[in-house]
Amino acid sequence: MNMLFLLKVEIKQMPQMPVKDFLGYVIKEWEYFSRFQRRGKILAGGKLAGRRGAAAIIDAESNEEMEEIVAKLPLFPFFTDIEITPLVPMEKALLDTKRIHSLMQ
C-alpha cells in the first residue's frame, strides 16, 4: 500500500549564482515535477504564491522512495527548508474517527 506525503520546499536566500543560471534550475525543477505528475507520483502541487518554494502531495511506496524523490530534485542543494509530512488518507481518517466516536457512546 502506498503512502501519501505533503512535501513543502523553500529557498529563503538566493544562491550565489547568476539569476539566469538559477532560473535554469527552476525550469528543470518544474519539468521534474511534471514528469512525476504524469507518472501519478505527484497528485497535486504548485508554487507557493509570493515565495520561492513549492508544495506537492506525493504518492510514494515507502519513506525511502519519498526521500529519493526529494534528493533528486534539481533544486535540492539550494533548499533552505524542506518539510515532509506523512498524510493519512481522508477515507482512513473518516473510518478512524467514526470508530473512536462509536467507542465513546
C-alpha atoms as a PDB file:
ATOM      1  CA  MET A   1       0.000   0.000   0.000  1.00  0.00           C
ATOM      2  CA  ASN A   2       1.367   3.388  -0.995  1.00  0.00           C
ATOM      3  CA  MET A   3       1.794   6.302   1.360  1.00  0.00           C
ATOM      4  CA  LEU A   4       0.827   9.930   0.841  1.00  0.00           C
ATOM      5  CA  PHE A   5       3.191  12.740   1.781  1.00  0.00           C
ATOM      6  CA  LEU A   6       2.906  16.509   1.810  1.00  0.00           C
ATOM      7  CA  LEU A   7       6.181  17.959   0.563  1.00  0.00           C
ATOM      8  CA  LYS A   8       6.946  21.632   1.071  1.00  0.00           C
ATOM      9  CA  VAL A   9      10.254  23.125  -0.076  1.00  0.00           C
ATOM     10  CA  GLU A  10      11.506  26.675   0.040  1.00  0.00           C
ATOM     11  CA  ILE A  11      14.589  28.721  -0.809  1.00  0.00           C
ATOM     12  CA  LYS A  12      14.800  31.711   1.528  1.00  0.00           C
ATOM     13  CA  GLN A  13      18.161  33.015   0.292  1.00  0.00           C
ATOM     14  CA  MET A  14      19.087  33.194  -3.357  1.00  0.00           C
ATOM     15  CA  PRO A  15      22.135  31.080  -4.215  1.00  0.00           C
ATOM     16  CA  GLN A  16      25.317  32.899  -5.202  1.00  0.00           C
ATOM     17  CA  MET A  17      24.960  32.467  -8.952  1.00  0.00           C
ATOM     18  CA  PRO A  18      23.655  34.486 -11.891  1.00  0.00           C
ATOM     19  CA  VAL A  19      19.845  34.710 -11.922  1.00  0.00           C
ATOM     20  CA  LYS A  20      19.719  33.181 -15.411  1.00  0.00           C
ATOM     21  CA  ASP A  21      21.580  30.084 -14.154  1.00  0.00           C
ATOM     22  CA  PHE A  22      19.262  29.812 -11.154  1.00  0.00           C
ATOM     23  CA  LEU A  23      16.202  30.060 -13.402  1.00  0.00           C
ATOM     24  CA  GLY A  24      17.639  27.173 -15.437  1.00  0.00           C
ATOM     25  CA  TYR A  25      17.492  25.057 -12.269  1.00  0.00           C
ATOM     26  CA  VAL A  26      13.922  26.243 -11.633  1.00  0.00           C
ATOM     27  CA  ILE A  27      12.885  25.149 -15.135  1.00  0.00           C
ATOM     28  CA  LYS A  28      14.439  21.714 -14.541  1.00  0.00           C
ATOM     29  CA  GLU A  29      12.598  21.502 -11.204  1.00  0.00           C
ATOM     30  CA  TRP A  30       9.180  22.142 -12.788  1.00  0.00           C
ATOM     31  CA  GLU A  31       9.950  19.688 -15.595  1.00  0.00           C
ATOM     32  CA  TYR A  32      10.813  17.082 -12.928  1.00  0.00           C
ATOM     33  CA  PHE A  33       7.519  17.817 -11.125  1.00  0.00           C
ATOM     34  CA  SER A  34       5.627  17.496 -14.441  1.00  0.00           C
ATOM     35  CA  ARG A  35       7.197  14.096 -15.202  1.00  0.00           C
ATOM     36  CA  PHE A  36       6.291  12.788 -11.755  1.00  0.00           C
ATOM     37  CA  GLN A  37       2.751  14.131 -12.105  1.00  0.00           C
ATOM     38  CA  ARG A  38       2.323  12.312 -15.436  1.00  0.00           C
ATOM     39  CA  ARG A  39       3.568   9.104 -13.758  1.00  0.00           C
ATOM     40  CA  GLY A  40       0.970   9.518 -10.990  1.00  0.00           C
ATOM     41  CA  LYS A  41       3.539  10.157  -8.257  1.00  0.00           C
ATOM     42  CA  ILE A  42       2.591  13.798  -7.716  1.00  0.00           C
ATOM     43  CA  LEU A  43      -1.161  14.056  -7.171  1.00  0.00           C
ATOM     44  CA  ALA A  44      -1.324  17.843  -6.822  1.00  0.00           C
ATOM     45  CA  GLY A  45       1.021  20.713  -6.244  1.00  0.00           C
ATOM     46  CA  GLY A  46       2.262  24.099  -7.252  1.00  0.00           C
ATOM     47  CA  LYS A  47       4.325  27.162  -6.459  1.00  0.00           C
ATOM     48  CA  LEU A  48       3.932  28.831  -3.079  1.00  0.00           C
ATOM     49  CA  ALA A  49       2.418  32.182  -4.091  1.00  0.00           C
ATOM     50  CA  GLY A  50       4.706  35.125  -3.459  1.00  0.00           C
ATOM     51  CA  ARG A  51       7.561  32.908  -2.254  1.00  0.00           C
ATOM     52  CA  ARG A  52      10.453  30.891  -3.676  1.00  0.00           C
ATOM     53  CA  GLY A  53       9.019  27.496  -2.923  1.00  0.00           C
ATOM     54  CA  ALA A  54       6.604  24.764  -3.859  1.00  0.00           C
ATOM     55  CA  ALA A  55       4.344  22.169  -2.291  1.00  0.00           C
ATOM     56  CA  ALA A  56       3.117  18.827  -3.570  1.00  0.00           C
ATOM     57  CA  ILE A  57       1.180  15.781  -2.479  1.00  0.00           C
ATOM     58  CA  ILE A  58       3.260  12.762  -3.392  1.00  0.00           C
ATOM     59  CA  ASP A  59       2.183   9.128  -3.629  1.00  0.00           C
ATOM     60  CA  ALA A  60       5.229   7.029  -2.686  1.00  0.00           C
ATOM     61  CA  GLU A  61       5.676   3.338  -1.966  1.00  0.00           C
ATOM     62  CA  SER A  62       7.851   3.990   1.101  1.00  0.00           C
ATOM     63  CA  ASN A  63       9.732   6.575   3.145  1.00  0.00           C
ATOM     64  CA  GLU A  64      12.833   5.583   1.197  1.00  0.00           C
ATOM     65  CA  GLU A  65      11.175   6.310  -2.150  1.00  0.00           C
ATOM     66  CA  MET A  66       9.989   9.667  -0.824  1.00  0.00           C
ATOM     67  CA  GLU A  67      13.500  10.588   0.296  1.00  0.00           C
ATOM     68  CA  GLU A  68      14.873   9.502  -3.085  1.00  0.00           C
ATOM     69  CA  ILE A  69      12.352  11.688  -4.932  1.00  0.00           C
ATOM     70  CA  VAL A  70      13.315  14.710  -2.819  1.00  0.00           C
ATOM     71  CA  ALA A  71      17.072  14.106  -3.081  1.00  0.00           C
ATOM     72  CA  LYS A  72      16.822  14.041  -6.890  1.00  0.00           C
ATOM     73  CA  LEU A  73      15.053  17.395  -7.146  1.00  0.00           C
ATOM     74  CA  PRO A  74      17.251  19.731  -9.227  1.00  0.00           C
ATOM     75  CA  LEU A  75      16.952  22.484  -6.591  1.00  0.00           C
ATOM     76  CA  PHE A  76      17.662  20.131  -3.661  1.00  0.00           C
ATOM     77  CA  PRO A  77      21.129  21.625  -2.929  1.00  0.00           C
ATOM     78  CA  PHE A  78      19.584  25.107  -2.618  1.00  0.00           C
ATOM     79  CA  PHE A  79      16.573  24.401  -0.375  1.00  0.00           C
ATOM     80  CA  THR A  80      16.743  26.157   2.989  1.00  0.00           C
ATOM     81  CA  ASP A  81      13.542  24.495   4.227  1.00  0.00           C
ATOM     82  CA  ILE A  82      12.257  21.005   3.454  1.00  0.00           C
ATOM     83  CA  GLU A  83       9.154  19.644   5.174  1.00  0.00           C
ATOM     84  CA  ILE A  84       7.946  16.095   4.554  1.00  0.00           C
ATOM     85  CA  THR A  85       4.714  15.227   6.338  1.00  0.00           C
ATOM     86  CA  PRO A  86       3.093  11.781   6.084  1.00  0.00           C
ATOM     87  CA  LEU A  87      -0.642  12.057   5.403  1.00  0.00           C
ATOM     88  CA  VAL A  88      -3.457   9.772   6.490  1.00  0.00           C
ATOM     89  CA  PRO A  89      -5.834   9.328   3.519  1.00  0.00           C
ATOM     90  CA  MET A  90      -9.225  11.008   4.026  1.00  0.00           C
ATOM     91  CA  GLU A  91     -11.109   7.725   3.878  1.00  0.00           C
ATOM     92  CA  LYS A  92      -8.981   6.224   6.659  1.00  0.00           C
ATOM     93  CA  ALA A  93      -9.262   9.383   8.763  1.00  0.00           C
ATOM     94  CA  LEU A  94     -13.056   9.200   8.472  1.00  0.00           C
ATOM     95  CA  LEU A  95     -13.158   5.497   9.396  1.00  0.00           C
ATOM     96  CA  ASP A  96     -10.833   6.036  12.363  1.00  0.00           C
ATOM     97  CA  THR A  97     -12.896   8.970  13.614  1.00  0.00           C
ATOM     98  CA  LYS A  98     -16.149   7.014  13.284  1.00  0.00           C
ATOM     99  CA  ARG A  99     -14.590   4.104  15.188  1.00  0.00           C
ATOM    100  CA  ILE A 100     -13.420   6.367  18.018  1.00  0.00           C
ATOM    101  CA  HIS A 101     -16.795   8.116  18.052  1.00  0.00           C
ATOM    102  CA  SER A 102     -18.656   4.799  18.364  1.00  0.00           C
ATOM    103  CA  LEU A 103     -16.440   3.748  21.280  1.00  0.00           C
ATOM    104  CA  MET A 104     -17.406   6.909  23.165  1.00  0.00           C
ATOM    105  CA  GLN A 105     -21.124   6.185  23.141  1.00  0.00           C
END
